[in-house]
Amino acid sequence: MVQSAMLKTKAIELLGGSTATAAEAIGVTYQAVDKWPDELPARIVDRVIAALVKLKKPVPRELLSTPEAKAA
């Protein structure tokens, strides 16, 4: 699966709105989330998606779309 780029601010918003809630949802420290780059690499986006699923929150469709699906 190929994901769209995700910004750190969007990930934090999806995971509860604060660095602390995002860190708790992912299972890392506040400092780890604070050090995320502005544009998240795929490995962190994967963790954000997994945390959203675990929390039974909706996953934005653009994060689940493949390039083929977008072209259709």
PDB file of N, CA and C in Angstrom:
ATOM      1  N   MET A   1       0.843  -1.171   0.000  1.00  0.00           N
ATOM      2  CA  MET A   1       0.000   0.000   0.000  1.00  0.00           C
ATOM      3  C   MET A   1       0.889   1.236   0.000  1.00  0.00           C
ATOM      4  N   VAL A   2       0.577   2.187  -0.859  1.00  0.00           N
ATOM      5  CA  VAL A   2       1.322   3.437  -0.918  1.00  0.00           C
ATOM      6  C   VAL A   2       0.456   4.511  -0.293  1.00  0.00           C
ATOM      7  N   GLN A   3       1.051   5.264   0.599  1.00  0.00           N
ATOM      8  CA  GLN A   3       0.279   6.268   1.303  1.00  0.00           C
ATOM      9  C   GLN A   3       0.618   7.669   0.827  1.00  0.00           C
ATOM     10  N   SER A   4      -0.324   8.572   1.004  1.00  0.00           N
ATOM     11  CA  SER A   4      -0.071   9.973   0.756  1.00  0.00           C
ATOM     12  C   SER A   4       0.793  10.511   1.877  1.00  0.00           C
ATOM     13  N   ALA A   5       1.425  11.610   1.603  1.00  0.00           N
ATOM     14  CA  ALA A   5       2.209  12.253   2.650  1.00  0.00           C
ATOM     15  C   ALA A   5       1.271  12.720   3.764  1.00  0.00           C
ATOM     16  N   MET A   6       1.756  12.635   4.972  1.00  0.00           N
ATOM     17  CA  MET A   6       0.977  13.116   6.107  1.00  0.00           C
ATOM     18  C   MET A   6       1.827  14.108   6.869  1.00  0.00           C
ATOM     19  N   LEU A   7       1.217  15.197   7.235  1.00  0.00           N
ATOM     20  CA  LEU A   7       1.917  16.190   8.033  1.00  0.00           C
ATOM     21  C   LEU A   7       1.811  15.854   9.513  1.00  0.00           C
ATOM     22  N   LYS A   8       2.825  16.227  10.239  1.00  0.00           N
ATOM     23  CA  LYS A   8       2.871  15.996  11.687  1.00  0.00           C
ATOM     24  C   LYS A   8       1.640  16.604  12.361  1.00  0.00           C
ATOM     25  N   THR A   9       1.272  17.815  11.968  1.00  0.00           N
ATOM     26  CA  THR A   9       0.129  18.481  12.602  1.00  0.00           C
ATOM     27  C   THR A   9      -1.162  17.697  12.385  1.00  0.00           C
ATOM     28  N   LYS A  10      -1.337  17.116  11.191  1.00  0.00           N
ATOM     29  CA  LYS A  10      -2.540  16.328  10.901  1.00  0.00           C
ATOM     30  C   LYS A  10      -2.555  15.044  11.727  1.00  0.00           C
ATOM     31  N   ALA A  11      -1.394  14.396  11.838  1.00  0.00           N
ATOM     32  CA  ALA A  11      -1.305  13.170  12.634  1.00  0.00           C
ATOM     33  C   ALA A  11      -1.662  13.455  14.090  1.00  0.00           C
ATOM     34  N   ILE A  12      -1.131  14.523  14.635  1.00  0.00           N
ATOM     35  CA  ILE A  12      -1.421  14.887  16.025  1.00  0.00           C
ATOM     36  C   ILE A  12      -2.901  15.192  16.193  1.00  0.00           C
ATOM     37  N   GLU A  13      -3.474  15.900  15.231  1.00  0.00           N
ATOM     38  CA  GLU A  13      -4.907  16.210  15.275  1.00  0.00           C
ATOM     39  C   GLU A  13      -5.737  14.925  15.280  1.00  0.00           C
ATOM     40  N   LEU A  14      -5.394  13.995  14.398  1.00  0.00           N
ATOM     41  CA  LEU A  14      -6.136  12.734  14.310  1.00  0.00           C
ATOM     42  C   LEU A  14      -6.013  11.893  15.577  1.00  0.00           C
ATOM     43  N   LEU A  15      -4.878  12.014  16.253  1.00  0.00           N
ATOM     44  CA  LEU A  15      -4.612  11.180  17.431  1.00  0.00           C
ATOM     45  C   LEU A  15      -4.999  11.856  18.752  1.00  0.00           C
ATOM     46  N   GLY A  16      -5.791  12.891  18.677  1.00  0.00           N
ATOM     47  CA  GLY A  16      -6.295  13.476  19.908  1.00  0.00           C
ATOM     48  C   GLY A  16      -6.045  14.957  20.091  1.00  0.00           C
ATOM     49  N   GLY A  17      -5.233  15.555  19.231  1.00  0.00           N
ATOM     50  CA  GLY A  17      -5.088  17.003  19.269  1.00  0.00           C
ATOM     51  C   GLY A  17      -3.886  17.565  19.994  1.00  0.00           C
ATOM     52  N   SER A  18      -3.169  16.740  20.728  1.00  0.00           N
ATOM     53  CA  SER A  18      -1.980  17.243  21.414  1.00  0.00           C
ATOM     54  C   SER A  18      -0.830  16.258  21.232  1.00  0.00           C
ATOM     55  N   THR A  19       0.366  16.760  21.415  1.00  0.00           N
ATOM     56  CA  THR A  19       1.545  15.906  21.317  1.00  0.00           C
ATOM     57  C   THR A  19       1.462  14.777  22.336  1.00  0.00           C
ATOM     58  N   ALA A  20       0.987  15.091  23.523  1.00  0.00           N
ATOM     59  CA  ALA A  20       0.888  14.086  24.585  1.00  0.00           C
ATOM     60  C   ALA A  20      -0.108  12.979  24.229  1.00  0.00           C
ATOM     61  N   THR A  21      -1.280  13.351  23.693  1.00  0.00           N
ATOM     62  CA  THR A  21      -2.268  12.319  23.344  1.00  0.00           C
ATOM     63  C   THR A  21      -1.802  11.489  22.147  1.00  0.00           C
ATOM     64  N   ALA A  22      -1.119  12.129  21.205  1.00  0.00           N
ATOM     65  CA  ALA A  22      -0.572  11.393  20.062  1.00  0.00           C
ATOM     66  C   ALA A  22       0.472  10.392  20.535  1.00  0.00           C
ATOM     67  N   ALA A  23       1.342  10.822  21.420  1.00  0.00           N
ATOM     68  CA  ALA A  23       2.388   9.939  21.946  1.00  0.00           C
ATOM     69  C   ALA A  23       1.774   8.748  22.674  1.00  0.00           C
ATOM     70  N   GLU A  24       0.780   9.008  23.476  1.00  0.00           N
ATOM     71  CA  GLU A  24       0.117   7.930  24.223  1.00  0.00           C
ATOM     72  C   GLU A  24      -0.559   6.942  23.263  1.00  0.00           C
ATOM     73  N   ALA A  25      -1.217   7.462  22.228  1.00  0.00           N
ATOM     74  CA  ALA A  25      -1.911   6.604  21.274  1.00  0.00           C
ATOM     75  C   ALA A  25      -0.944   5.698  20.515  1.00  0.00           C
ATOM     76  N   ILE A  26       0.225   6.218  20.216  1.00  0.00           N
ATOM     77  CA  ILE A  26       1.220   5.449  19.442  1.00  0.00           C
ATOM     78  C   ILE A  26       2.069   4.576  20.357  1.00  0.00           C
ATOM     79  N   GLY A  27       2.167   4.956  21.609  1.00  0.00           N
ATOM     80  CA  GLY A  27       2.983   4.183  22.539  1.00  0.00           C
ATOM     81  C   GLY A  27       4.432   4.622  22.580  1.00  0.00           C
ATOM     82  N   VAL A  28       4.643   5.924  22.375  1.00  0.00           N
ATOM     83  CA  VAL A  28       5.991   6.493  22.450  1.00  0.00           C
ATOM     84  C   VAL A  28       5.964   7.676  23.406  1.00  0.00           C
ATOM     85  N   THR A  29       7.115   8.279  23.616  1.00  0.00           N
ATOM     86  CA  THR A  29       7.182   9.425  24.524  1.00  0.00           C
ATOM     87  C   THR A  29       6.776  10.718  23.817  1.00  0.00           C
ATOM     88  N   TYR A  30       6.441  11.694  24.618  1.00  0.00           N
ATOM     89  CA  TYR A  30       6.139  13.038  24.125  1.00  0.00           C
ATOM     90  C   TYR A  30       7.314  13.551  23.297  1.00  0.00           C
ATOM     91  N   GLN A  31       8.525  13.300  23.791  1.00  0.00           N
ATOM     92  CA  GLN A  31       9.733  13.777  23.113  1.00  0.00           C
ATOM     93  C   GLN A  31       9.882  13.150  21.735  1.00  0.00           C
ATOM     94  N   ALA A  32       9.510  11.879  21.594  1.00  0.00           N
ATOM     95  CA  ALA A  32       9.614  11.205  20.296  1.00  0.00           C
ATOM     96  C   ALA A  32       8.697  11.871  19.274  1.00  0.00           C
ATOM     97  N   VAL A  33       7.464  12.145  19.667  1.00  0.00           N
ATOM     98  CA  VAL A  33       6.528  12.821  18.763  1.00  0.00           C
ATOM     99  C   VAL A  33       7.008  14.237  18.468  1.00  0.00           C
ATOM    100  N   ASP A  34       7.524  14.903  19.464  1.00  0.00           N
ATOM    101  CA  ASP A  34       8.020  16.271  19.289  1.00  0.00           C
ATOM    102  C   ASP A  34       9.142  16.325  18.248  1.00  0.00           C
ATOM    103  N   LYS A  35       9.892  15.241  18.107  1.00  0.00           N
ATOM    104  CA  LYS A  35      11.015  15.200  17.163  1.00  0.00           C
ATOM    105  C   LYS A  35      10.609  14.761  15.759  1.00  0.00           C
ATOM    106  N   TRP A  36       9.342  14.372  15.558  1.00  0.00           N
ATOM    107  CA  TRP A  36       8.905  13.977  14.224  1.00  0.00           C
ATOM    108  C   TRP A  36       9.156  15.116  13.249  1.00  0.00           C
ATOM    109  N   PRO A  37       9.532  14.802  11.998  1.00  0.00           N
ATOM    110  CA  PRO A  37       9.667  15.855  10.983  1.00  0.00           C
ATOM    111  C   PRO A  37       8.284  16.364  10.575  1.00  0.00           C
ATOM    112  N   ASP A  38       8.242  17.523   9.928  1.00  0.00           N
ATOM    113  CA  ASP A  38       6.954  18.084   9.500  1.00  0.00           C
ATOM    114  C   ASP A  38       6.205  17.158   8.549  1.00  0.00           C
ATOM    115  N   GLU A  39       6.910  16.534   7.612  1.00  0.00           N
ATOM    116  CA  GLU A  39       6.299  15.548   6.734  1.00  0.00           C
ATOM    117  C   GLU A  39       6.743  14.170   7.203  1.00  0.00           C
ATOM    118  N   LEU A  40       5.780  13.368   7.618  1.00  0.00           N
ATOM    119  CA  LEU A  40       6.102  12.091   8.242  1.00  0.00           C
ATOM    120  C   LEU A  40       6.527  11.033   7.238  1.00  0.00           C
ATOM    121  N   PRO A  41       7.559  10.256   7.585  1.00  0.00           N
ATOM    122  CA  PRO A  41       7.935   9.132   6.725  1.00  0.00           C
ATOM    123  C   PRO A  41       6.889   8.015   6.841  1.00  0.00           C
ATOM    124  N   ALA A  42       6.907   7.112   5.871  1.00  0.00           N
ATOM    125  CA  ALA A  42       5.905   6.041   5.797  1.00  0.00           C
ATOM    126  C   ALA A  42       5.848   5.211   7.078  1.00  0.00           C
ATOM    127  N   ARG A  43       6.990   4.954   7.715  1.00  0.00           N
ATOM    128  CA  ARG A  43       6.987   4.115   8.919  1.00  0.00           C
ATOM    129  C   ARG A  43       6.178   4.760  10.050  1.00  0.00           C
ATOM    130  N   ILE A  44       6.208   6.087  10.149  1.00  0.00           N
ATOM    131  CA  ILE A  44       5.423   6.764  11.191  1.00  0.00           C
ATOM    132  C   ILE A  44       3.959   6.837  10.766  1.00  0.00           C
ATOM    133  N   VAL A  45       3.698   7.082   9.488  1.00  0.00           N
ATOM    134  CA  VAL A  45       2.310   7.086   9.001  1.00  0.00           C
ATOM    135  C   VAL A  45       1.666   5.732   9.279  1.00  0.00           C
ATOM    136  N   ASP A  46       2.405   4.663   9.063  1.00  0.00           N
ATOM    137  CA  ASP A  46       1.883   3.322   9.368  1.00  0.00           C
ATOM    138  C   ASP A  46       1.493   3.204  10.837  1.00  0.00           C
ATOM    139  N   ARG A  47       2.304   3.757  11.718  1.00  0.00           N
ATOM    140  CA  ARG A  47       1.999   3.694  13.155  1.00  0.00           C
ATOM    141  C   ARG A  47       0.777   4.540  13.494  1.00  0.00           C
ATOM    142  N   VAL A  48       0.643   5.681  12.829  1.00  0.00           N
ATOM    143  CA  VAL A  48      -0.530   6.536  13.043  1.00  0.00           C
ATOM    144  C   VAL A  48      -1.788   5.785  12.616  1.00  0.00           C
ATOM    145  N   ILE A  49      -1.749   5.160  11.439  1.00  0.00           N
ATOM    146  CA  ILE A  49      -2.903   4.389  10.958  1.00  0.00           C
ATOM    147  C   ILE A  49      -3.236   3.261  11.925  1.00  0.00           C
ATOM    148  N   ALA A  50      -2.223   2.545  12.377  1.00  0.00           N
ATOM    149  CA  ALA A  50      -2.452   1.438  13.323  1.00  0.00           C
ATOM    150  C   ALA A  50      -3.084   1.952  14.612  1.00  0.00           C
ATOM    151  N   ALA A  51      -2.617   3.089  15.104  1.00  0.00           N
ATOM    152  CA  ALA A  51      -3.180   3.652  16.338  1.00  0.00           C
ATOM    153  C   ALA A  51      -4.628   4.071  16.128  1.00  0.00           C
ATOM    154  N   LEU A  52      -4.935   4.655  14.967  1.00  0.00           N
ATOM    155  CA  LEU A  52      -6.318   5.044  14.682  1.00  0.00           C
ATOM    156  C   LEU A  52      -7.228   3.823  14.655  1.00  0.00           C
ATOM    157  N   VAL A  53      -6.770   2.749  14.037  1.00  0.00           N
ATOM    158  CA  VAL A  53      -7.562   1.518  13.988  1.00  0.00           C
ATOM    159  C   VAL A  53      -7.765   0.978  15.405  1.00  0.00           C
ATOM    160  N   LYS A  54      -6.698   0.953  16.171  1.00  0.00           N
ATOM    161  CA  LYS A  54      -6.777   0.451  17.552  1.00  0.00           C
ATOM    162  C   LYS A  54      -7.763   1.273  18.388  1.00  0.00           C
ATOM    163  N   LEU A  55      -7.770   2.591  18.158  1.00  0.00           N
ATOM    164  CA  LEU A  55      -8.656   3.481  18.900  1.00  0.00           C
ATOM    165  C   LEU A  55     -10.071   3.531  18.310  1.00  0.00           C
ATOM    166  N   LYS A  56     -10.279   2.767  17.213  1.00  0.00           N
ATOM    167  CA  LYS A  56     -11.578   2.736  16.523  1.00  0.00           C
ATOM    168  C   LYS A  56     -11.985   4.115  16.019  1.00  0.00           C
ATOM    169  N   LYS A  57     -10.971   4.863  15.541  1.00  0.00           N
ATOM    170  CA  LYS A  57     -11.210   6.174  14.933  1.00  0.00           C
ATOM    171  C   LYS A  57     -11.110   6.011  13.421  1.00  0.00           C
ATOM    172  N   PRO A  58     -11.797   6.865  12.686  1.00  0.00           N
ATOM    173  CA  PRO A  58     -11.735   6.750  11.228  1.00  0.00           C
ATOM    174  C   PRO A  58     -10.339   7.061  10.690  1.00  0.00           C
ATOM    175  N   VAL A  59      -9.944   6.312   9.676  1.00  0.00           N
ATOM    176  CA  VAL A  59      -8.672   6.537   8.996  1.00  0.00           C
ATOM    177  C   VAL A  59      -8.986   7.324   7.730  1.00  0.00           C
ATOM    178  N   PRO A  60      -8.346   8.477   7.528  1.00  0.00           N
ATOM    179  CA  PRO A  60      -8.613   9.256   6.313  1.00  0.00           C
ATOM    180  C   PRO A  60      -8.394   8.424   5.057  1.00  0.00           C
ATOM    181  N   ARG A  61      -9.340   8.499   4.159  1.00  0.00           N
ATOM    182  CA  ARG A  61      -9.316   7.701   2.932  1.00  0.00           C
ATOM    183  C   ARG A  61      -8.032   7.906   2.129  1.00  0.00           C
ATOM    184  N   GLU A  62      -7.512   9.126   2.098  1.00  0.00           N
ATOM    185  CA  GLU A  62      -6.311   9.392   1.309  1.00  0.00           C
ATOM    186  C   GLU A  62      -5.087   8.628   1.814  1.00  0.00           C
ATOM    187  N   LEU A  63      -5.127   8.191   3.061  1.00  0.00           N
ATOM    188  CA  LEU A  63      -4.016   7.405   3.601  1.00  0.00           C
ATOM    189  C   LEU A  63      -4.103   5.941   3.198  1.00  0.00           C
ATOM    190  N   LEU A  64      -5.257   5.516   2.747  1.00  0.00           N
ATOM    191  CA  LEU A  64      -5.454   4.127   2.375  1.00  0.00           C
ATOM    192  C   LEU A  64      -5.479   3.912   0.875  1.00  0.00           C
ATOM    193  N   SER A  65      -5.503   4.973   0.114  1.00  0.00           N
ATOM    194  CA  SER A  65      -5.606   4.869  -1.335  1.00  0.00           C
ATOM    195  C   SER A  65      -4.278   4.526  -1.969  1.00  0.00           C
ATOM    196  N   THR A  66      -4.338   3.702  -2.992  1.00  0.00           N
ATOM    197  CA  THR A  66      -3.166   3.405  -3.797  1.00  0.00           C
ATOM    198  C   THR A  66      -3.182   4.340  -5.003  1.00  0.00           C
ATOM    199  N   PRO A  67      -2.053   4.527  -5.657  1.00  0.00           N
ATOM    200  CA  PRO A  67      -2.046   5.383  -6.853  1.00  0.00           C
ATOM    201  C   PRO A  67      -3.029   4.897  -7.917  1.00  0.00           C
ATOM    202  N   GLU A  68      -3.219   3.581  -8.043  1.00  0.00           N
ATOM    203  CA  GLU A  68      -4.162   3.043  -9.019  1.00  0.00           C
ATOM    204  C   GLU A  68      -5.589   3.455  -8.690  1.00  0.00           C
ATOM    205  N   ALA A  69      -5.934   3.428  -7.421  1.00  0.00           N
ATOM    206  CA  ALA A  69      -7.288   3.798  -7.006  1.00  0.00           C
ATOM    207  C   ALA A  69      -7.543   5.285  -7.241  1.00  0.00           C
ATOM    208  N   LYS A  70      -6.519   6.100  -7.053  1.00  0.00           N
ATOM    209  CA  LYS A  70      -6.668   7.539  -7.266  1.00  0.00           C
ATOM    210  C   LYS A  70      -6.858   7.856  -8.749  1.00  0.00           C
ATOM    211  N   ALA A  71      -6.245   7.070  -9.625  1.00  0.00           N
ATOM    212  CA  ALA A  71      -6.336   7.309 -11.057  1.00  0.00           C
ATOM    213  C   ALA A  71      -7.698   6.908 -11.614  1.00  0.00           C
ATOM    214  N   ALA A  72      -8.374   6.023 -10.938  1.00  0.00           N
ATOM    215  CA  ALA A  72      -9.668   5.516 -11.432  1.00  0.00           C
ATOM    216  C   ALA A  72     -10.785   6.509 -11.248  1.00  0.00           C
TER     217      ALA A  72
END
